[in-house]
Amino acid sequence: MVLARTADTKAVTLQRQGRMGAYPPSRGQEASQLGPALALTDGDWVIPGFRELTALIWRGAPLWRLFLFWSGNEEGSLYPDGVNVTPSVIPVGDQIPHAVGVSYASKLRGEDAVALVYIGDGGTSQGGFHEGLNMAGVLKTPTIVVCQNNQYAISVPRSQQTASRTIAQKAVAYGFPGILVDGNDVLALYVAAKAAVERARRGEGPTLIESYTYRLGDHTTSDDASRYRGEEELRKWEAKDPLKRFRLYLEAKGLWDQGQEDEAWKEAEKTVEEEVERALSHPAPSAEDVFRFTYETMPPELAEQLETLKRESGEGGGD
């Protein structure tokens, strides 16, 4: 979580400097992302939306590639073999049907893998969420849906985008359990997800976990959260910062001290700087990549267009 917080802060800085594209901060949601991911094994799948930095790092997605992705280079979605993480999904809610498909495939093949998918509270108002949950319930797929309820669907408070008392209870309509969990308690989320994973492996179907948390930063670097929420609300949630809470817990158990705390942040800063340097020094994508990597076998019409691009680029001296 310290590494993710450090990388998150650096990403925002890079965007402000014009060295990286628009970025969705995840400050305050680290426990919501890490806790469920801890319950998975290597063979399981993670299907992220776009604000799951902590989970992606834990699952083995190279940090430099994540920086590369948010710099506008799609090569950043190319993870090493064995890292069962799908690319980020920017269209809100579309990752839910993807996750159901992945987990259904696992079920049909007789595999033991589950698929864990993340979504925000605003995404639960999208059709993909309801269609995906309905299909997961009908097929009893080994799917774990983690809703990071960070209280805002972009600038719209949760109360204005659903009348449901909780998001967890939405699972009842689709025939499987929903559970509400303190989203700033990494251990509580691990316990809830572990039970859901075990249930899925037993063939008992999906679970919806509502992680009740808060987005301490802006929705994205294109947003200004101060326009729709007040300082008093923000201060209340900053006191519940998941990193602060877990540190105090570890200290109370005699498992952590200030020296370890300082060393963790120092090591994280060093790692992040190295990963950023690798990402920003990576060759920029070519316009030809759009043609090369869209289809496994390039259709004739695209091959013709690619030849036109090469010819005109050579004549004009540009790209």
C-alpha atoms as a PDB file:
ATOM      1  CA  MET A   1       0.000   0.000   0.000  1.00  0.00           C
ATOM      2  CA  VAL A   2       2.949   2.313   0.667  1.00  0.00           C
ATOM      3  CA  LEU A   3       4.350   1.567  -2.782  1.00  0.00           C
ATOM      4  CA  ALA A   4       0.980   2.203  -4.415  1.00  0.00           C
ATOM      5  CA  ARG A   5       0.480   5.478  -2.514  1.00  0.00           C
ATOM      6  CA  THR A   6       3.941   6.647  -3.570  1.00  0.00           C
ATOM      7  CA  ALA A   7       3.344   5.686  -7.210  1.00  0.00           C
ATOM      8  CA  ASP A   8      -0.070   7.345  -7.140  1.00  0.00           C
ATOM      9  CA  THR A   9       1.368  10.620  -5.843  1.00  0.00           C
ATOM     10  CA  LYS A  10       4.115  10.515  -8.477  1.00  0.00           C
ATOM     11  CA  ALA A  11       1.603   9.871 -11.266  1.00  0.00           C
ATOM     12  CA  VAL A  12      -0.418  12.945 -10.309  1.00  0.00           C
ATOM     13  CA  THR A  13       2.764  15.020 -10.259  1.00  0.00           C
ATOM     14  CA  LEU A  14       3.806  13.755 -13.695  1.00  0.00           C
ATOM     15  CA  GLN A  15       0.391  14.642 -15.119  1.00  0.00           C
ATOM     16  CA  ARG A  16       0.573  18.155 -13.676  1.00  0.00           C
ATOM     17  CA  GLN A  17       4.002  18.530 -15.298  1.00  0.00           C
ATOM     18  CA  GLY A  18       2.619  17.486 -18.673  1.00  0.00           C
ATOM     19  CA  ARG A  19       4.724  14.326 -18.706  1.00  0.00           C
ATOM     20  CA  MET A  20       1.801  11.914 -18.425  1.00  0.00           C
ATOM     21  CA  GLY A  21      -1.821  11.847 -19.571  1.00  0.00           C
ATOM     22  CA  ALA A  22      -5.005  12.001 -17.510  1.00  0.00           C
ATOM     23  CA  TYR A  23      -4.781   9.742 -14.472  1.00  0.00           C
ATOM     24  CA  PRO A  24      -7.317   8.419 -11.892  1.00  0.00           C
ATOM     25  CA  PRO A  25      -5.868   8.768  -8.365  1.00  0.00           C
ATOM     26  CA  SER A  26      -6.520   5.902  -5.958  1.00  0.00           C
ATOM     27  CA  ARG A  27      -5.407   7.566  -2.709  1.00  0.00           C
ATOM     28  CA  GLY A  28      -7.583   6.293   0.111  1.00  0.00           C
ATOM     29  CA  GLN A  29      -8.705   3.167  -1.706  1.00  0.00           C
ATOM     30  CA  GLU A  30      -5.557   1.067  -1.314  1.00  0.00           C
ATOM     31  CA  ALA A  31      -7.124  -1.333   1.224  1.00  0.00           C
ATOM     32  CA  SER A  32     -10.204  -1.774  -0.976  1.00  0.00           C
ATOM     33  CA  GLN A  33      -7.953  -2.923  -3.771  1.00  0.00           C
ATOM     34  CA  LEU A  34      -5.339  -4.950  -1.920  1.00  0.00           C
ATOM     35  CA  GLY A  35      -7.509  -6.798   0.609  1.00  0.00           C
ATOM     36  CA  PRO A  36      -9.542  -8.774  -1.959  1.00  0.00           C
ATOM     37  CA  ALA A  37      -6.470  -9.461  -4.133  1.00  0.00           C
ATOM     38  CA  LEU A  38      -4.706 -11.066  -1.172  1.00  0.00           C
ATOM     39  CA  ALA A  39      -7.312 -13.840  -1.159  1.00  0.00           C
ATOM     40  CA  LEU A  40      -6.417 -15.014  -4.675  1.00  0.00           C
ATOM     41  CA  THR A  41      -3.951 -17.619  -5.892  1.00  0.00           C
ATOM     42  CA  ASP A  42      -1.677 -17.299  -8.937  1.00  0.00           C
ATOM     43  CA  GLY A  43      -4.137 -19.083 -11.211  1.00  0.00           C
ATOM     44  CA  ASP A  44      -6.995 -16.705 -10.468  1.00  0.00           C
ATOM     45  CA  TRP A  45      -7.843 -13.670 -12.564  1.00  0.00           C
ATOM     46  CA  VAL A  46      -8.166  -9.969 -11.775  1.00  0.00           C
ATOM     47  CA  ILE A  47     -10.320  -7.850 -14.073  1.00  0.00           C
ATOM     48  CA  PRO A  48      -9.781  -4.188 -13.179  1.00  0.00           C
ATOM     49  CA  GLY A  49     -11.668  -1.069 -14.126  1.00  0.00           C
ATOM     50  CA  PHE A  50      -9.211   1.814 -14.092  1.00  0.00           C
ATOM     51  CA  ARG A  51      -8.572   2.665 -10.407  1.00  0.00           C
ATOM     52  CA  GLU A  52      -6.948  -0.529  -9.129  1.00  0.00           C
ATOM     53  CA  LEU A  53      -3.262   0.382  -8.939  1.00  0.00           C
ATOM     54  CA  THR A  54      -2.610  -1.406  -5.621  1.00  0.00           C
ATOM     55  CA  ALA A  55      -4.178  -4.680  -6.753  1.00  0.00           C
ATOM     56  CA  LEU A  56      -2.324  -4.622 -10.074  1.00  0.00           C
ATOM     57  CA  ILE A  57       1.036  -4.128  -8.379  1.00  0.00           C
ATOM     58  CA  TRP A  58       0.314  -6.976  -5.959  1.00  0.00           C
ATOM     59  CA  ARG A  59      -0.704  -9.282  -8.797  1.00  0.00           C
ATOM     60  CA  GLY A  60       2.569  -8.702 -10.617  1.00  0.00           C
ATOM     61  CA  ALA A  61       1.756  -6.063 -13.230  1.00  0.00           C
ATOM     62  CA  PRO A  62       5.064  -4.191 -13.720  1.00  0.00           C
ATOM     63  CA  LEU A  63       4.776  -0.695 -12.292  1.00  0.00           C
ATOM     64  CA  TRP A  64       6.689   0.820 -15.190  1.00  0.00           C
ATOM     65  CA  ARG A  65       4.112  -0.579 -17.611  1.00  0.00           C
ATOM     66  CA  LEU A  66       1.304   0.978 -15.590  1.00  0.00           C
ATOM     67  CA  PHE A  67       3.051   4.351 -15.901  1.00  0.00           C
ATOM     68  CA  LEU A  68       3.503   3.630 -19.607  1.00  0.00           C
ATOM     69  CA  PHE A  69      -0.221   2.955 -20.038  1.00  0.00           C
ATOM     70  CA  TRP A  70      -1.248   6.242 -18.415  1.00  0.00           C
ATOM     71  CA  SER A  71       1.287   7.981 -20.634  1.00  0.00           C
ATOM     72  CA  GLY A  72      -0.824   6.964 -23.614  1.00  0.00           C
ATOM     73  CA  ASN A  73       1.141   3.922 -24.748  1.00  0.00           C
ATOM     74  CA  GLU A  74      -1.054   0.822 -25.070  1.00  0.00           C
ATOM     75  CA  GLU A  75       2.034  -1.353 -24.709  1.00  0.00           C
ATOM     76  CA  GLY A  76       1.597  -0.624 -21.017  1.00  0.00           C
ATOM     77  CA  SER A  77      -1.174  -3.245 -21.013  1.00  0.00           C
ATOM     78  CA  LEU A  78       1.237  -5.990 -22.069  1.00  0.00           C
ATOM     79  CA  TYR A  79       1.909  -7.925 -18.863  1.00  0.00           C
ATOM     80  CA  PRO A  80       4.322 -10.853 -18.450  1.00  0.00           C
ATOM     81  CA  ASP A  81       3.099 -14.407 -19.017  1.00  0.00           C
ATOM     82  CA  GLY A  82       1.506 -15.805 -15.893  1.00  0.00           C
ATOM     83  CA  VAL A  83       0.224 -12.447 -14.672  1.00  0.00           C
ATOM     84  CA  ASN A  84      -3.503 -13.100 -14.874  1.00  0.00           C
ATOM     85  CA  VAL A  85      -4.635  -9.488 -15.144  1.00  0.00           C
ATOM     86  CA  THR A  86      -6.679  -8.077 -18.009  1.00  0.00           C
ATOM     87  CA  PRO A  87      -6.069  -4.565 -19.404  1.00  0.00           C
ATOM     88  CA  SER A  88      -7.777  -1.617 -17.757  1.00  0.00           C
ATOM     89  CA  VAL A  89     -11.345  -0.999 -18.876  1.00  0.00           C
ATOM     90  CA  ILE A  90     -12.182   2.681 -19.300  1.00  0.00           C
ATOM     91  CA  PRO A  91     -15.882   2.350 -20.401  1.00  0.00           C
ATOM     92  CA  VAL A  92     -17.647   2.260 -17.037  1.00  0.00           C
ATOM     93  CA  GLY A  93     -19.114  -1.120 -16.114  1.00  0.00           C
ATOM     94  CA  ASP A  94     -17.982  -3.091 -19.153  1.00  0.00           C
ATOM     95  CA  GLN A  95     -15.511  -5.123 -17.105  1.00  0.00           C
ATOM     96  CA  ILE A  96     -18.312  -6.996 -15.296  1.00  0.00           C
ATOM     97  CA  PRO A  97     -19.437  -9.047 -18.363  1.00  0.00           C
ATOM     98  CA  HIS A  98     -15.754  -9.647 -19.140  1.00  0.00           C
ATOM     99  CA  ALA A  99     -15.218 -11.115 -15.675  1.00  0.00           C
ATOM    100  CA  VAL A 100     -18.280 -13.318 -15.935  1.00  0.00           C
ATOM    101  CA  GLY A 101     -17.010 -14.597 -19.276  1.00  0.00           C
ATOM    102  CA  VAL A 102     -13.563 -15.347 -17.868  1.00  0.00           C
ATOM    103  CA  SER A 103     -14.984 -17.187 -14.873  1.00  0.00           C
ATOM    104  CA  TYR A 104     -17.528 -19.066 -16.995  1.00  0.00           C
ATOM    105  CA  ALA A 105     -14.721 -20.245 -19.260  1.00  0.00           C
ATOM    106  CA  SER A 106     -12.864 -21.469 -16.193  1.00  0.00           C
ATOM    107  CA  LYS A 107     -15.951 -23.359 -15.061  1.00  0.00           C
ATOM    108  CA  LEU A 108     -16.498 -24.978 -18.472  1.00  0.00           C
ATOM    109  CA  ARG A 109     -12.875 -26.104 -18.609  1.00  0.00           C
ATOM    110  CA  GLY A 110     -13.083 -27.674 -15.175  1.00  0.00           C
ATOM    111  CA  GLU A 111     -10.437 -25.309 -13.825  1.00  0.00           C
ATOM    112  CA  ASP A 112     -10.265 -24.091 -10.260  1.00  0.00           C
ATOM    113  CA  ALA A 113      -9.759 -20.405 -11.098  1.00  0.00           C
ATOM    114  CA  VAL A 114     -11.994 -17.579  -9.967  1.00  0.00           C
ATOM    115  CA  ALA A 115     -12.285 -14.117 -11.477  1.00  0.00           C
ATOM    116  CA  LEU A 116     -12.246 -11.058  -9.222  1.00  0.00           C
ATOM    117  CA  VAL A 117     -13.533  -7.859 -10.792  1.00  0.00           C
ATOM    118  CA  TYR A 118     -13.506  -4.306  -9.438  1.00  0.00           C
ATOM    119  CA  ILE A 119     -16.082  -1.610 -10.103  1.00  0.00           C
ATOM    120  CA  GLY A 120     -16.988   1.758  -8.579  1.00  0.00           C
ATOM    121  CA  ASP A 121     -20.328   2.711  -7.065  1.00  0.00           C
ATOM    122  CA  GLY A 122     -21.206   4.776 -10.132  1.00  0.00           C
ATOM    123  CA  GLY A 123     -20.619   1.749 -12.326  1.00  0.00           C
ATOM    124  CA  THR A 124     -23.450  -0.108 -10.600  1.00  0.00           C
ATOM    125  CA  SER A 125     -25.885   2.148 -12.466  1.00  0.00           C
ATOM    126  CA  GLN A 126     -24.609   0.904 -15.822  1.00  0.00           C
ATOM    127  CA  GLY A 127     -26.273  -1.871 -17.805  1.00  0.00           C
ATOM    128  CA  GLY A 128     -23.138  -4.000 -17.892  1.00  0.00           C
ATOM    129  CA  PHE A 129     -23.231  -4.338 -14.119  1.00  0.00           C
ATOM    130  CA  HIS A 130     -26.790  -5.671 -14.039  1.00  0.00           C
ATOM    131  CA  GLU A 131     -26.426  -7.851 -17.124  1.00  0.00           C
ATOM    132  CA  GLY A 132     -23.208  -9.318 -15.770  1.00  0.00           C
ATOM    133  CA  LEU A 133     -24.581 -10.025 -12.293  1.00  0.00           C
ATOM    134  CA  ASN A 134     -27.709 -11.567 -13.749  1.00  0.00           C
ATOM    135  CA  MET A 135     -25.683 -13.932 -15.938  1.00  0.00           C
ATOM    136  CA  ALA A 136     -23.288 -14.745 -13.090  1.00  0.00           C
ATOM    137  CA  GLY A 137     -26.231 -15.693 -10.901  1.00  0.00           C
ATOM    138  CA  VAL A 138     -27.891 -17.814 -13.558  1.00  0.00           C
ATOM    139  CA  LEU A 139     -24.698 -19.677 -14.486  1.00  0.00           C
ATOM    140  CA  LYS A 140     -23.326 -19.753 -10.913  1.00  0.00           C
ATOM    141  CA  THR A 141     -19.955 -18.592 -12.154  1.00  0.00           C
ATOM    142  CA  PRO A 142     -16.944 -18.328  -9.816  1.00  0.00           C
ATOM    143  CA  THR A 143     -17.008 -14.527  -9.927  1.00  0.00           C
ATOM    144  CA  ILE A 144     -16.190 -12.112  -7.100  1.00  0.00           C
ATOM    145  CA  VAL A 145     -17.454  -8.576  -7.729  1.00  0.00           C
ATOM    146  CA  VAL A 146     -15.823  -5.922  -5.550  1.00  0.00           C
ATOM    147  CA  CYS A 147     -17.584  -2.573  -5.625  1.00  0.00           C
ATOM    148  CA  GLN A 148     -15.349   0.195  -4.343  1.00  0.00           C
ATOM    149  CA  ASN A 149     -18.042   2.490  -2.996  1.00  0.00           C
ATOM    150  CA  ASN A 150     -15.982   5.667  -2.687  1.00  0.00           C
ATOM    151  CA  GLN A 151     -19.138   7.769  -2.183  1.00  0.00           C
ATOM    152  CA  TYR A 152     -19.014   9.585  -5.534  1.00  0.00           C
ATOM    153  CA  ALA A 153     -19.821   8.664  -9.127  1.00  0.00           C
ATOM    154  CA  ILE A 154     -17.432  11.271 -10.493  1.00  0.00           C
ATOM    155  CA  SER A 155     -19.037  14.430  -9.026  1.00  0.00           C
ATOM    156  CA  VAL A 156     -22.406  12.885  -8.183  1.00  0.00           C
ATOM    157  CA  PRO A 157     -22.870  11.660  -4.595  1.00  0.00           C
ATOM    158  CA  ARG A 158     -23.979   8.070  -4.169  1.00  0.00           C
ATOM    159  CA  SER A 159     -27.415   9.193  -2.901  1.00  0.00           C
ATOM    160  CA  GLN A 160     -28.161  10.739  -6.290  1.00  0.00           C
ATOM    161  CA  GLN A 161     -27.276   7.700  -8.413  1.00  0.00           C
ATOM    162  CA  THR A 162     -29.028   4.897  -6.513  1.00  0.00           C
ATOM    163  CA  ALA A 163     -31.901   4.765  -4.005  1.00  0.00           C
ATOM    164  CA  SER A 164     -30.744   1.378  -2.729  1.00  0.00           C
ATOM    165  CA  ARG A 165     -29.802   1.511   0.966  1.00  0.00           C
ATOM    166  CA  THR A 166     -26.634  -0.438   0.211  1.00  0.00           C
ATOM    167  CA  ILE A 167     -24.962  -1.623  -2.954  1.00  0.00           C
ATOM    168  CA  ALA A 168     -24.353  -5.038  -1.418  1.00  0.00           C
ATOM    169  CA  GLN A 169     -28.087  -5.755  -1.306  1.00  0.00           C
ATOM    170  CA  LYS A 170     -28.307  -5.491  -5.090  1.00  0.00           C
ATOM    171  CA  ALA A 171     -26.912  -9.038  -5.222  1.00  0.00           C
ATOM    172  CA  VAL A 172     -30.123 -10.415  -3.689  1.00  0.00           C
ATOM    173  CA  ALA A 173     -32.046  -9.714  -6.904  1.00  0.00           C
ATOM    174  CA  TYR A 174     -29.625 -11.914  -8.814  1.00  0.00           C
ATOM    175  CA  GLY A 175     -29.706 -14.841  -6.429  1.00  0.00           C
ATOM    176  CA  PHE A 176     -26.397 -14.698  -4.622  1.00  0.00           C
ATOM    177  CA  PRO A 177     -24.885 -13.126  -1.469  1.00  0.00           C
ATOM    178  CA  GLY A 178     -23.850  -9.525  -1.049  1.00  0.00           C
ATOM    179  CA  ILE A 179     -21.737  -8.312   1.858  1.00  0.00           C
ATOM    180  CA  LEU A 180     -20.937  -4.816   3.122  1.00  0.00           C
ATOM    181  CA  VAL A 181     -17.354  -4.397   4.398  1.00  0.00           C
ATOM    182  CA  ASP A 182     -15.331  -1.558   5.915  1.00  0.00           C
ATOM    183  CA  GLY A 183     -13.356  -0.580   2.835  1.00  0.00           C
ATOM    184  CA  ASN A 184     -10.503   1.018   4.771  1.00  0.00           C
ATOM    185  CA  ASP A 185      -9.744  -2.172   6.725  1.00  0.00           C
ATOM    186  CA  VAL A 186      -7.442  -4.319   4.598  1.00  0.00           C
ATOM    187  CA  LEU A 187      -7.816  -7.342   6.886  1.00  0.00           C
ATOM    188  CA  ALA A 188     -11.622  -7.217   6.889  1.00  0.00           C
ATOM    189  CA  LEU A 189     -11.604  -7.159   3.105  1.00  0.00           C
ATOM    190  CA  TYR A 190      -9.214 -10.081   2.958  1.00  0.00           C
ATOM    191  CA  VAL A 191     -11.453 -12.148   5.240  1.00  0.00           C
ATOM    192  CA  ALA A 192     -14.591 -11.308   3.218  1.00  0.00           C
ATOM    193  CA  ALA A 193     -12.902 -12.051  -0.103  1.00  0.00           C
ATOM    194  CA  LYS A 194     -11.366 -15.283   1.190  1.00  0.00           C
ATOM    195  CA  ALA A 195     -14.819 -16.564   2.139  1.00  0.00           C
ATOM    196  CA  ALA A 196     -16.186 -15.524  -1.264  1.00  0.00           C
ATOM    197  CA  VAL A 197     -13.314 -17.237  -3.089  1.00  0.00           C
ATOM    198  CA  GLU A 198     -13.789 -20.459  -1.125  1.00  0.00           C
ATOM    199  CA  ARG A 199     -17.510 -20.351  -1.879  1.00  0.00           C
ATOM    200  CA  ALA A 200     -16.791 -19.896  -5.590  1.00  0.00           C
ATOM    201  CA  ARG A 201     -14.323 -22.789  -5.648  1.00  0.00           C
ATOM    202  CA  ARG A 202     -16.952 -25.034  -4.098  1.00  0.00           C
ATOM    203  CA  GLY A 203     -19.168 -24.314  -7.095  1.00  0.00           C
ATOM    204  CA  GLU A 204     -21.629 -22.192  -5.121  1.00  0.00           C
ATOM    205  CA  GLY A 205     -21.436 -19.199  -7.434  1.00  0.00           C
ATOM    206  CA  PRO A 206     -20.649 -15.482  -7.238  1.00  0.00           C
ATOM    207  CA  THR A 207     -20.490 -12.950  -4.408  1.00  0.00           C
ATOM    208  CA  LEU A 208     -20.831  -9.160  -4.415  1.00  0.00           C
ATOM    209  CA  ILE A 209     -18.625  -7.329  -1.907  1.00  0.00           C
ATOM    210  CA  GLU A 210     -19.343  -3.658  -1.251  1.00  0.00           C
ATOM    211  CA  SER A 211     -16.192  -1.992   0.030  1.00  0.00           C
ATOM    212  CA  TYR A 212     -17.338   1.143   1.854  1.00  0.00           C
ATOM    213  CA  THR A 213     -14.486   3.582   1.368  1.00  0.00           C
ATOM    214  CA  TYR A 214     -13.658   7.106   0.180  1.00  0.00           C
ATOM    215  CA  ARG A 215     -11.726   8.671  -2.661  1.00  0.00           C
ATOM    216  CA  LEU A 216      -9.365  11.154  -0.992  1.00  0.00           C
ATOM    217  CA  GLY A 217      -8.216  12.606  -4.307  1.00  0.00           C
ATOM    218  CA  ASP A 218      -9.973  13.830  -7.436  1.00  0.00           C
ATOM    219  CA  HIS A 219     -11.909  11.463  -9.698  1.00  0.00           C
ATOM    220  CA  THR A 220      -9.183  11.999 -12.287  1.00  0.00           C
ATOM    221  CA  THR A 221      -6.569  14.666 -12.827  1.00  0.00           C
ATOM    222  CA  SER A 222      -9.176  16.395 -15.030  1.00  0.00           C
ATOM    223  CA  ASP A 223     -11.484  16.754 -12.019  1.00  0.00           C
ATOM    224  CA  ASP A 224     -11.639  19.243  -9.131  1.00  0.00           C
ATOM    225  CA  ALA A 225     -13.301  17.528  -6.179  1.00  0.00           C
ATOM    226  CA  SER A 226     -13.381  20.745  -4.134  1.00  0.00           C
ATOM    227  CA  ARG A 227     -16.252  21.912  -6.346  1.00  0.00           C
ATOM    228  CA  TYR A 228     -18.648  19.262  -5.039  1.00  0.00           C
ATOM    229  CA  ARG A 229     -17.475  18.228  -1.565  1.00  0.00           C
ATOM    230  CA  GLY A 230     -16.401  20.143   1.510  1.00  0.00           C
ATOM    231  CA  GLU A 231     -13.231  20.253   3.602  1.00  0.00           C
ATOM    232  CA  GLU A 232     -14.988  18.936   6.714  1.00  0.00           C
ATOM    233  CA  GLU A 233     -16.075  15.784   4.887  1.00  0.00           C
ATOM    234  CA  LEU A 234     -12.587  15.261   3.529  1.00  0.00           C
ATOM    235  CA  ARG A 235     -10.953  15.685   6.957  1.00  0.00           C
ATOM    236  CA  LYS A 236     -13.330  13.122   8.467  1.00  0.00           C
ATOM    237  CA  TRP A 237     -12.266  10.512   5.913  1.00  0.00           C
ATOM    238  CA  GLU A 238      -8.573  11.414   6.049  1.00  0.00           C
ATOM    239  CA  ALA A 239      -8.658  10.301   9.684  1.00  0.00           C
ATOM    240  CA  LYS A 240      -9.717   6.878   8.382  1.00  0.00           C
ATOM    241  CA  ASP A 241      -6.857   6.643   5.861  1.00  0.00           C
ATOM    242  CA  PRO A 242      -6.250   2.897   5.322  1.00  0.00           C
ATOM    243  CA  LEU A 243      -2.472   3.266   5.487  1.00  0.00           C
ATOM    244  CA  LYS A 244      -2.684   5.130   8.785  1.00  0.00           C
ATOM    245  CA  ARG A 245      -5.125   2.585  10.211  1.00  0.00           C
ATOM    246  CA  PHE A 246      -3.035  -0.431   9.258  1.00  0.00           C
ATOM    247  CA  ARG A 247       0.155   1.192  10.545  1.00  0.00           C
ATOM    248  CA  LEU A 248      -1.448   1.878  13.942  1.00  0.00           C
ATOM    249  CA  TYR A 249      -2.723  -1.708  14.061  1.00  0.00           C
ATOM    250  CA  LEU A 250       0.717  -3.136  13.318  1.00  0.00           C
ATOM    251  CA  GLU A 251       2.353  -0.852  15.877  1.00  0.00           C
ATOM    252  CA  ALA A 252      -0.156  -1.913  18.535  1.00  0.00           C
ATOM    253  CA  LYS A 253       0.715  -5.548  17.799  1.00  0.00           C
ATOM    254  CA  GLY A 254       4.429  -4.827  18.109  1.00  0.00           C
ATOM    255  CA  LEU A 255       4.984  -5.642  14.431  1.00  0.00           C
ATOM    256  CA  TRP A 256       5.994  -2.188  13.167  1.00  0.00           C
ATOM    257  CA  ASP A 257       7.949   0.831  14.313  1.00  0.00           C
ATOM    258  CA  GLN A 258       8.991   4.252  13.032  1.00  0.00           C
ATOM    259  CA  GLY A 259      12.251   2.935  11.641  1.00  0.00           C
ATOM    260  CA  GLN A 260      10.440   0.382   9.507  1.00  0.00           C
ATOM    261  CA  GLU A 261       7.946   3.044   8.474  1.00  0.00           C
ATOM    262  CA  ASP A 262      10.687   5.400   7.285  1.00  0.00           C
ATOM    263  CA  GLU A 263      12.494   2.606   5.453  1.00  0.00           C
ATOM    264  CA  ALA A 264       9.309   1.488   3.684  1.00  0.00           C
ATOM    265  CA  TRP A 265       8.648   4.959   2.287  1.00  0.00           C
ATOM    266  CA  LYS A 266      12.293   5.441   1.324  1.00  0.00           C
ATOM    267  CA  GLU A 267      12.381   2.130  -0.547  1.00  0.00           C
ATOM    268  CA  ALA A 268       9.056   2.892  -2.248  1.00  0.00           C
ATOM    269  CA  GLU A 269      10.286   6.273  -3.474  1.00  0.00           C
ATOM    270  CA  LYS A 270      13.442   4.702  -4.886  1.00  0.00           C
ATOM    271  CA  THR A 271      11.447   2.004  -6.680  1.00  0.00           C
ATOM    272  CA  VAL A 272       8.964   4.469  -8.130  1.00  0.00           C
ATOM    273  CA  GLU A 273      11.661   6.767  -9.480  1.00  0.00           C
ATOM    274  CA  GLU A 274      13.337   3.814 -11.218  1.00  0.00           C
ATOM    275  CA  GLU A 275      10.051   2.608 -12.701  1.00  0.00           C
ATOM    276  CA  VAL A 276       9.121   6.078 -13.921  1.00  0.00           C
ATOM    277  CA  GLU A 277      12.497   6.487 -15.602  1.00  0.00           C
ATOM    278  CA  ARG A 278      12.046   3.172 -17.403  1.00  0.00           C
ATOM    279  CA  ALA A 279       8.552   4.100 -18.553  1.00  0.00           C
ATOM    280  CA  LEU A 280       9.374   7.594 -19.769  1.00  0.00           C
ATOM    281  CA  SER A 281      12.487   6.425 -21.629  1.00  0.00           C
ATOM    282  CA  HIS A 282      10.555   3.698 -23.461  1.00  0.00           C
ATOM    283  CA  PRO A 283      10.196   4.250 -27.220  1.00  0.00           C
ATOM    284  CA  ALA A 284       7.047   6.109 -28.200  1.00  0.00           C
ATOM    285  CA  PRO A 285       4.385   4.125 -30.073  1.00  0.00           C
ATOM    286  CA  SER A 286       4.263   4.356 -33.844  1.00  0.00           C
ATOM    287  CA  ALA A 287       1.161   5.140 -35.872  1.00  0.00           C
ATOM    288  CA  GLU A 288       1.839   1.826 -37.624  1.00  0.00           C
ATOM    289  CA  ASP A 289       1.212  -0.015 -34.336  1.00  0.00           C
ATOM    290  CA  VAL A 290      -2.509   0.647 -34.767  1.00  0.00           C
ATOM    291  CA  PHE A 291      -2.429  -1.530 -37.865  1.00  0.00           C
ATOM    292  CA  ARG A 292      -0.021  -4.176 -36.588  1.00  0.00           C
ATOM    293  CA  PHE A 293      -1.662  -5.037 -33.287  1.00  0.00           C
ATOM    294  CA  THR A 294      -5.400  -4.705 -33.841  1.00  0.00           C
ATOM    295  CA  TYR A 295      -5.858  -8.091 -35.551  1.00  0.00           C
ATOM    296  CA  GLU A 296      -3.886 -11.303 -35.344  1.00  0.00           C
ATOM    297  CA  THR A 297      -3.956 -11.434 -39.150  1.00  0.00           C
ATOM    298  CA  MET A 298      -4.189  -8.038 -40.805  1.00  0.00           C
ATOM    299  CA  PRO A 299      -7.203  -7.745 -43.156  1.00  0.00           C
ATOM    300  CA  PRO A 300      -6.376  -6.762 -46.778  1.00  0.00           C
ATOM    301  CA  GLU A 301      -8.032  -3.332 -46.473  1.00  0.00           C
ATOM    302  CA  LEU A 302      -5.887  -2.469 -43.449  1.00  0.00           C
ATOM    303  CA  ALA A 303      -2.769  -3.730 -45.203  1.00  0.00           C
ATOM    304  CA  GLU A 304      -3.567  -1.374 -48.056  1.00  0.00           C
ATOM    305  CA  GLN A 305      -4.097   1.534 -45.680  1.00  0.00           C
ATOM    306  CA  LEU A 306      -0.805   0.756 -43.936  1.00  0.00           C
ATOM    307  CA  GLU A 307       1.037   0.897 -47.238  1.00  0.00           C
ATOM    308  CA  THR A 308      -0.614   4.239 -47.955  1.00  0.00           C
ATOM    309  CA  LEU A 309       0.483   5.529 -44.541  1.00  0.00           C
ATOM    310  CA  LYS A 310       4.068   4.442 -45.144  1.00  0.00           C
ATOM    311  CA  ARG A 311       4.114   5.978 -48.592  1.00  0.00           C
ATOM    312  CA  GLU A 312       2.630   9.306 -47.533  1.00  0.00           C
ATOM    313  CA  SER A 313       4.770   9.475 -44.397  1.00  0.00           C
ATOM    314  CA  GLY A 314       7.879   9.007 -46.471  1.00  0.00           C
ATOM    315  CA  GLU A 315       6.882  11.700 -48.931  1.00  0.00           C
ATOM    316  CA  GLY A 316       5.797  14.188 -46.295  1.00  0.00           C
ATOM    317  CA  GLY A 317       8.611  13.575 -43.867  1.00  0.00           C
ATOM    318  CA  GLY A 318       6.123  13.288 -40.976  1.00  0.00           C
ATOM    319  CA  ASP A 319       4.228  10.469 -39.306  1.00  0.00           C
END
